[in-house]
Amino acid sequence: MTEFQRLLAARQQVENIFELTKDNEWREYMARHLVLLHVELERQIENCIARGEDTLLTDKDEPPTMPE
């Protein structure tokens, strides 16, 4: 799994927690912390994209080839 994939998975987990706690009486308290984590994950994802590391392939995967 690439760093980009791990960051995307982490972001999805944070979004899942937002959804799972939508009816929780302490949602606002948790959301304040989750928002900070979500913003940092977005920043790191953008850094990966800027560095050209936004591939979903792992080192063990073969890149797709164009037919001749």
PDB file of N, CA and C in Angstrom:
ATOM      1  N   MET A   1       0.858  -1.173   0.000  1.00  0.00           N
ATOM      2  CA  MET A   1       0.000   0.000   0.000  1.00  0.00           C
ATOM      3  C   MET A   1       0.904   1.235   0.000  1.00  0.00           C
ATOM      4  N   THR A   2       0.603   2.171  -0.858  1.00  0.00           N
ATOM      5  CA  THR A   2       1.410   3.383  -0.941  1.00  0.00           C
ATOM      6  C   THR A   2       1.007   4.371   0.156  1.00  0.00           C
ATOM      7  N   GLU A   3       1.874   5.351   0.392  1.00  0.00           N
ATOM      8  CA  GLU A   3       1.561   6.395   1.368  1.00  0.00           C
ATOM      9  C   GLU A   3       0.285   7.138   0.961  1.00  0.00           C
ATOM     10  N   PHE A   4       0.132   7.386  -0.328  1.00  0.00           N
ATOM     11  CA  PHE A   4      -1.064   8.052  -0.837  1.00  0.00           C
ATOM     12  C   PHE A   4      -2.316   7.235  -0.502  1.00  0.00           C
ATOM     13  N   GLN A   5      -2.250   5.924  -0.705  1.00  0.00           N
ATOM     14  CA  GLN A   5      -3.390   5.062  -0.390  1.00  0.00           C
ATOM     15  C   GLN A   5      -3.697   5.080   1.106  1.00  0.00           C
ATOM     16  N   ARG A   6      -2.653   5.049   1.929  1.00  0.00           N
ATOM     17  CA  ARG A   6      -2.865   5.079   3.379  1.00  0.00           C
ATOM     18  C   ARG A   6      -3.525   6.388   3.807  1.00  0.00           C
ATOM     19  N   LEU A   7      -3.091   7.490   3.211  1.00  0.00           N
ATOM     20  CA  LEU A   7      -3.693   8.780   3.548  1.00  0.00           C
ATOM     21  C   LEU A   7      -5.153   8.839   3.119  1.00  0.00           C
ATOM     22  N   LEU A   8      -5.454   8.312   1.939  1.00  0.00           N
ATOM     23  CA  LEU A   8      -6.850   8.279   1.484  1.00  0.00           C
ATOM     24  C   LEU A   8      -7.699   7.414   2.408  1.00  0.00           C
ATOM     25  N   ALA A   9      -7.160   6.275   2.829  1.00  0.00           N
ATOM     26  CA  ALA A   9      -7.893   5.383   3.729  1.00  0.00           C
ATOM     27  C   ALA A   9      -8.122   6.049   5.081  1.00  0.00           C
ATOM     28  N   ALA A  10      -7.113   6.761   5.580  1.00  0.00           N
ATOM     29  CA  ALA A  10      -7.255   7.456   6.855  1.00  0.00           C
ATOM     30  C   ALA A  10      -8.323   8.538   6.762  1.00  0.00           C
ATOM     31  N   ARG A  11      -8.306   9.278   5.660  1.00  0.00           N
ATOM     32  CA  ARG A  11      -9.324  10.324   5.469  1.00  0.00           C
ATOM     33  C   ARG A  11     -10.720   9.710   5.451  1.00  0.00           C
ATOM     34  N   GLN A  12     -10.868   8.569   4.787  1.00  0.00           N
ATOM     35  CA  GLN A  12     -12.160   7.897   4.733  1.00  0.00           C
ATOM     36  C   GLN A  12     -12.607   7.453   6.131  1.00  0.00           C
ATOM     37  N   GLN A  13     -11.672   6.981   6.931  1.00  0.00           N
ATOM     38  CA  GLN A  13     -12.010   6.567   8.293  1.00  0.00           C
ATOM     39  C   GLN A  13     -12.505   7.747   9.125  1.00  0.00           C
ATOM     40  N   VAL A  14     -11.847   8.893   8.990  1.00  0.00           N
ATOM     41  CA  VAL A  14     -12.288  10.086   9.725  1.00  0.00           C
ATOM     42  C   VAL A  14     -13.696  10.474   9.273  1.00  0.00           C
ATOM     43  N   GLU A  15     -13.950  10.419   7.972  1.00  0.00           N
ATOM     44  CA  GLU A  15     -15.284  10.737   7.466  1.00  0.00           C
ATOM     45  C   GLU A  15     -16.314   9.735   7.978  1.00  0.00           C
ATOM     46  N   ASN A  16     -15.909   8.472   8.108  1.00  0.00           N
ATOM     47  CA  ASN A  16     -16.809   7.454   8.669  1.00  0.00           C
ATOM     48  C   ASN A  16     -17.142   7.764  10.123  1.00  0.00           C
ATOM     49  N   ILE A  17     -16.146   8.215  10.885  1.00  0.00           N
ATOM     50  CA  ILE A  17     -16.398   8.571  12.288  1.00  0.00           C
ATOM     51  C   ILE A  17     -17.373   9.736  12.376  1.00  0.00           C
ATOM     52  N   PHE A  18     -17.215  10.733  11.501  1.00  0.00           N
ATOM     53  CA  PHE A  18     -18.187  11.835  11.461  1.00  0.00           C
ATOM     54  C   PHE A  18     -19.601  11.285  11.283  1.00  0.00           C
ATOM     55  N   GLU A  19     -19.742  10.376  10.335  1.00  0.00           N
ATOM     56  CA  GLU A  19     -21.063   9.812  10.032  1.00  0.00           C
ATOM     57  C   GLU A  19     -21.594   8.977  11.200  1.00  0.00           C
ATOM     58  N   LEU A  20     -20.739   8.166  11.803  1.00  0.00           N
ATOM     59  CA  LEU A  20     -21.162   7.296  12.899  1.00  0.00           C
ATOM     60  C   LEU A  20     -21.552   8.065  14.153  1.00  0.00           C
ATOM     61  N   THR A  21     -21.042   9.269  14.311  1.00  0.00           N
ATOM     62  CA  THR A  21     -21.330  10.050  15.520  1.00  0.00           C
ATOM     63  C   THR A  21     -22.337  11.169  15.273  1.00  0.00           C
ATOM     64  N   LYS A  22     -23.052  11.110  14.166  1.00  0.00           N
ATOM     65  CA  LYS A  22     -23.955  12.222  13.834  1.00  0.00           C
ATOM     66  C   LYS A  22     -25.073  12.415  14.856  1.00  0.00           C
ATOM     67  N   ASP A  23     -25.440  11.364  15.584  1.00  0.00           N
ATOM     68  CA  ASP A  23     -26.503  11.494  16.583  1.00  0.00           C
ATOM     69  C   ASP A  23     -25.971  11.483  18.015  1.00  0.00           C
ATOM     70  N   ASN A  24     -24.666  11.535  18.175  1.00  0.00           N
ATOM     71  CA  ASN A  24     -24.044  11.501  19.492  1.00  0.00           C
ATOM     72  C   ASN A  24     -24.209  12.850  20.177  1.00  0.00           C
ATOM     73  N   GLU A  25     -24.518  12.827  21.453  1.00  0.00           N
ATOM     74  CA  GLU A  25     -24.738  14.098  22.158  1.00  0.00           C
ATOM     75  C   GLU A  25     -23.445  14.919  22.284  1.00  0.00           C
ATOM     76  N   TRP A  26     -22.279  14.283  22.157  1.00  0.00           N
ATOM     77  CA  TRP A  26     -21.002  14.970  22.253  1.00  0.00           C
ATOM     78  C   TRP A  26     -20.363  15.155  20.883  1.00  0.00           C
ATOM     79  N   ARG A  27     -21.170  15.143  19.857  1.00  0.00           N
ATOM     80  CA  ARG A  27     -20.667  15.219  18.482  1.00  0.00           C
ATOM     81  C   ARG A  27     -19.804  16.455  18.239  1.00  0.00           C
ATOM     82  N   GLU A  28     -20.246  17.591  18.703  1.00  0.00           N
ATOM     83  CA  GLU A  28     -19.488  18.827  18.465  1.00  0.00           C
ATOM     84  C   GLU A  28     -18.104  18.755  19.094  1.00  0.00           C
ATOM     85  N   TYR A  29     -18.009  18.179  20.272  1.00  0.00           N
ATOM     86  CA  TYR A  29     -16.707  18.028  20.935  1.00  0.00           C
ATOM     87  C   TYR A  29     -15.792  17.145  20.090  1.00  0.00           C
ATOM     88  N   MET A  30     -16.293  16.006  19.645  1.00  0.00           N
ATOM     89  CA  MET A  30     -15.487  15.099  18.828  1.00  0.00           C
ATOM     90  C   MET A  30     -15.157  15.722  17.477  1.00  0.00           C
ATOM     91  N   ALA A  31     -16.114  16.420  16.905  1.00  0.00           N
ATOM     92  CA  ALA A  31     -15.917  17.009  15.578  1.00  0.00           C
ATOM     93  C   ALA A  31     -14.782  18.023  15.581  1.00  0.00           C
ATOM     94  N   ARG A  32     -14.627  18.765  16.664  1.00  0.00           N
ATOM     95  CA  ARG A  32     -13.530  19.743  16.735  1.00  0.00           C
ATOM     96  C   ARG A  32     -12.183  19.064  16.560  1.00  0.00           C
ATOM     97  N   HIS A  33     -12.043  17.893  17.142  1.00  0.00           N
ATOM     98  CA  HIS A  33     -10.785  17.153  17.030  1.00  0.00           C
ATOM     99  C   HIS A  33     -10.665  16.484  15.666  1.00  0.00           C
ATOM    100  N   LEU A  34     -11.761  15.944  15.175  1.00  0.00           N
ATOM    101  CA  LEU A  34     -11.734  15.260  13.887  1.00  0.00           C
ATOM    102  C   LEU A  34     -11.454  16.221  12.735  1.00  0.00           C
ATOM    103  N   VAL A  35     -11.956  17.433  12.838  1.00  0.00           N
ATOM    104  CA  VAL A  35     -11.726  18.424  11.781  1.00  0.00           C
ATOM    105  C   VAL A  35     -10.237  18.717  11.641  1.00  0.00           C
ATOM    106  N   LEU A  36      -9.546  18.844  12.761  1.00  0.00           N
ATOM    107  CA  LEU A  36      -8.097  19.088  12.706  1.00  0.00           C
ATOM    108  C   LEU A  36      -7.378  17.934  12.015  1.00  0.00           C
ATOM    109  N   LEU A  37      -7.762  16.727  12.333  1.00  0.00           N
ATOM    110  CA  LEU A  37      -7.158  15.552  11.711  1.00  0.00           C
ATOM    111  C   LEU A  37      -7.485  15.504  10.223  1.00  0.00           C
ATOM    112  N   HIS A  38      -8.713  15.801   9.871  1.00  0.00           N
ATOM    113  CA  HIS A  38      -9.136  15.784   8.470  1.00  0.00           C
ATOM    114  C   HIS A  38      -8.352  16.819   7.661  1.00  0.00           C
ATOM    115  N   VAL A  39      -8.182  18.006   8.199  1.00  0.00           N
ATOM    116  CA  VAL A  39      -7.444  19.065   7.507  1.00  0.00           C
ATOM    117  C   VAL A  39      -5.994  18.644   7.294  1.00  0.00           C
ATOM    118  N   GLU A  40      -5.375  18.038   8.302  1.00  0.00           N
ATOM    119  CA  GLU A  40      -3.986  17.596   8.158  1.00  0.00           C
ATOM    120  C   GLU A  40      -3.870  16.481   7.112  1.00  0.00           C
ATOM    121  N   LEU A  41      -4.812  15.562   7.090  1.00  0.00           N
ATOM    122  CA  LEU A  41      -4.796  14.511   6.071  1.00  0.00           C
ATOM    123  C   LEU A  41      -4.943  15.108   4.677  1.00  0.00           C
ATOM    124  N   GLU A  42      -5.819  16.087   4.524  1.00  0.00           N
ATOM    125  CA  GLU A  42      -5.985  16.756   3.235  1.00  0.00           C
ATOM    126  C   GLU A  42      -4.690  17.436   2.798  1.00  0.00           C
ATOM    127  N   ARG A  43      -4.003  18.062   3.751  1.00  0.00           N
ATOM    128  CA  ARG A  43      -2.742  18.737   3.446  1.00  0.00           C
ATOM    129  C   ARG A  43      -1.714  17.732   2.943  1.00  0.00           C
ATOM    130  N   GLN A  44      -1.615  16.601   3.633  1.00  0.00           N
ATOM    131  CA  GLN A  44      -0.647  15.591   3.227  1.00  0.00           C
ATOM    132  C   GLN A  44      -1.016  14.943   1.898  1.00  0.00           C
ATOM    133  N   ILE A  45      -2.294  14.760   1.641  1.00  0.00           N
ATOM    134  CA  ILE A  45      -2.738  14.230   0.350  1.00  0.00           C
ATOM    135  C   ILE A  45      -2.352  15.196  -0.764  1.00  0.00           C
ATOM    136  N   GLU A  46      -2.583  16.486  -0.545  1.00  0.00           N
ATOM    137  CA  GLU A  46      -2.204  17.493  -1.535  1.00  0.00           C
ATOM    138  C   GLU A  46      -0.695  17.506  -1.767  1.00  0.00           C
ATOM    139  N   ASN A  47       0.084  17.304  -0.708  1.00  0.00           N
ATOM    140  CA  ASN A  47       1.540  17.230  -0.860  1.00  0.00           C
ATOM    141  C   ASN A  47       1.931  16.041  -1.727  1.00  0.00           C
ATOM    142  N   CYS A  48       1.292  14.903  -1.524  1.00  0.00           N
ATOM    143  CA  CYS A  48       1.569  13.730  -2.358  1.00  0.00           C
ATOM    144  C   CYS A  48       1.247  14.019  -3.824  1.00  0.00           C
ATOM    145  N   ILE A  49       0.142  14.670  -4.064  1.00  0.00           N
ATOM    146  CA  ILE A  49      -0.257  14.997  -5.430  1.00  0.00           C
ATOM    147  C   ILE A  49       0.756  15.957  -6.052  1.00  0.00           C
ATOM    148  N   ALA A  50       1.179  16.951  -5.294  1.00  0.00           N
ATOM    149  CA  ALA A  50       2.148  17.925  -5.806  1.00  0.00           C
ATOM    150  C   ALA A  50       3.486  17.275  -6.133  1.00  0.00           C
ATOM    151  N   ARG A  51       3.847  16.236  -5.375  1.00  0.00           N
ATOM    152  CA  ARG A  51       5.103  15.527  -5.634  1.00  0.00           C
ATOM    153  C   ARG A  51       4.940  14.436  -6.695  1.00  0.00           C
ATOM    154  N   GLY A  52       3.732  14.269  -7.197  1.00  0.00           N
ATOM    155  CA  GLY A  52       3.490  13.247  -8.213  1.00  0.00           C
ATOM    156  C   GLY A  52       3.384  11.851  -7.639  1.00  0.00           C
ATOM    157  N   GLU A  53       3.094  11.740  -6.356  1.00  0.00           N
ATOM    158  CA  GLU A  53       2.996  10.450  -5.691  1.00  0.00           C
ATOM    159  C   GLU A  53       1.547   9.996  -5.544  1.00  0.00           C
ATOM    160  N   ASP A  54       0.671  10.519  -6.374  1.00  0.00           N
ATOM    161  CA  ASP A  54      -0.753  10.228  -6.230  1.00  0.00           C
ATOM    162  C   ASP A  54      -1.176   8.984  -6.997  1.00  0.00           C
ATOM    163  N   THR A  55      -0.291   8.022  -7.092  1.00  0.00           N
ATOM    164  CA  THR A  55      -0.629   6.773  -7.759  1.00  0.00           C
ATOM    165  C   THR A  55      -1.281   5.817  -6.762  1.00  0.00           C
ATOM    166  N   LEU A  56      -2.160   5.003  -7.249  1.00  0.00           N
ATOM    167  CA  LEU A  56      -2.777   3.993  -6.403  1.00  0.00           C
ATOM    168  C   LEU A  56      -2.045   2.663  -6.525  1.00  0.00           C
ATOM    169  N   LEU A  57      -0.994   2.626  -7.355  1.00  0.00           N
ATOM    170  CA  LEU A  57      -0.210   1.416  -7.518  1.00  0.00           C
ATOM    171  C   LEU A  57       0.790   1.286  -6.378  1.00  0.00           C
ATOM    172  N   THR A  58       1.100   0.060  -6.014  1.00  0.00           N
ATOM    173  CA  THR A  58       2.151  -0.174  -5.040  1.00  0.00           C
ATOM    174  C   THR A  58       3.427  -0.529  -5.791  1.00  0.00           C
ATOM    175  N   ASP A  59       4.503  -0.641  -5.067  1.00  0.00           N
ATOM    176  CA  ASP A  59       5.777  -1.007  -5.690  1.00  0.00           C
ATOM    177  C   ASP A  59       5.703  -2.383  -6.349  1.00  0.00           C
ATOM    178  N   LYS A  60       4.802  -3.227  -5.883  1.00  0.00           N
ATOM    179  CA  LYS A  60       4.691  -4.583  -6.410  1.00  0.00           C
ATOM    180  C   LYS A  60       3.760  -4.659  -7.615  1.00  0.00           C
ATOM    181  N   ASP A  61       2.968  -3.619  -7.829  1.00  0.00           N
ATOM    182  CA  ASP A  61       2.033  -3.596  -8.959  1.00  0.00           C
ATOM    183  C   ASP A  61       2.757  -3.198 -10.233  1.00  0.00           C
ATOM    184  N   GLU A  62       2.289  -3.732 -11.320  1.00  0.00           N
ATOM    185  CA  GLU A  62       2.821  -3.341 -12.623  1.00  0.00           C
ATOM    186  C   GLU A  62       1.970  -2.205 -13.175  1.00  0.00           C
ATOM    187  N   PRO A  63       2.599  -1.154 -13.672  1.00  0.00           N
ATOM    188  CA  PRO A  63       1.810  -0.086 -14.277  1.00  0.00           C
ATOM    189  C   PRO A  63       1.115  -0.573 -15.543  1.00  0.00           C
ATOM    190  N   PRO A  64      -0.042  -0.019 -15.863  1.00  0.00           N
ATOM    191  CA  PRO A  64      -0.725  -0.458 -17.083  1.00  0.00           C
ATOM    192  C   PRO A  64       0.096  -0.093 -18.319  1.00  0.00           C
ATOM    193  N   THR A  65       0.028  -0.934 -19.314  1.00  0.00           N
ATOM    194  CA  THR A  65       0.745  -0.676 -20.560  1.00  0.00           C
ATOM    195  C   THR A  65      -0.252  -0.406 -21.656  1.00  0.00           C
ATOM    196  N   MET A  66       0.153   0.421 -22.603  1.00  0.00           N
ATOM    197  CA  MET A  66      -0.696   0.746 -23.746  1.00  0.00           C
ATOM    198  C   MET A  66      -0.535  -0.330 -24.806  1.00  0.00           C
ATOM    199  N   PRO A  67      -1.636  -0.803 -25.378  1.00  0.00           N
ATOM    200  CA  PRO A  67      -1.518  -1.769 -26.451  1.00  0.00           C
ATOM    201  C   PRO A  67      -0.886  -1.129 -27.687  1.00  0.00           C
ATOM    202  N   GLU A  68      -0.125  -1.934 -28.408  1.00  0.00           N
ATOM    203  CA  GLU A  68       0.533  -1.397 -29.616  1.00  0.00           C
ATOM    204  C   GLU A  68      -0.345  -1.509 -30.819  1.00  0.00           C
TER     205      GLU A  68
END
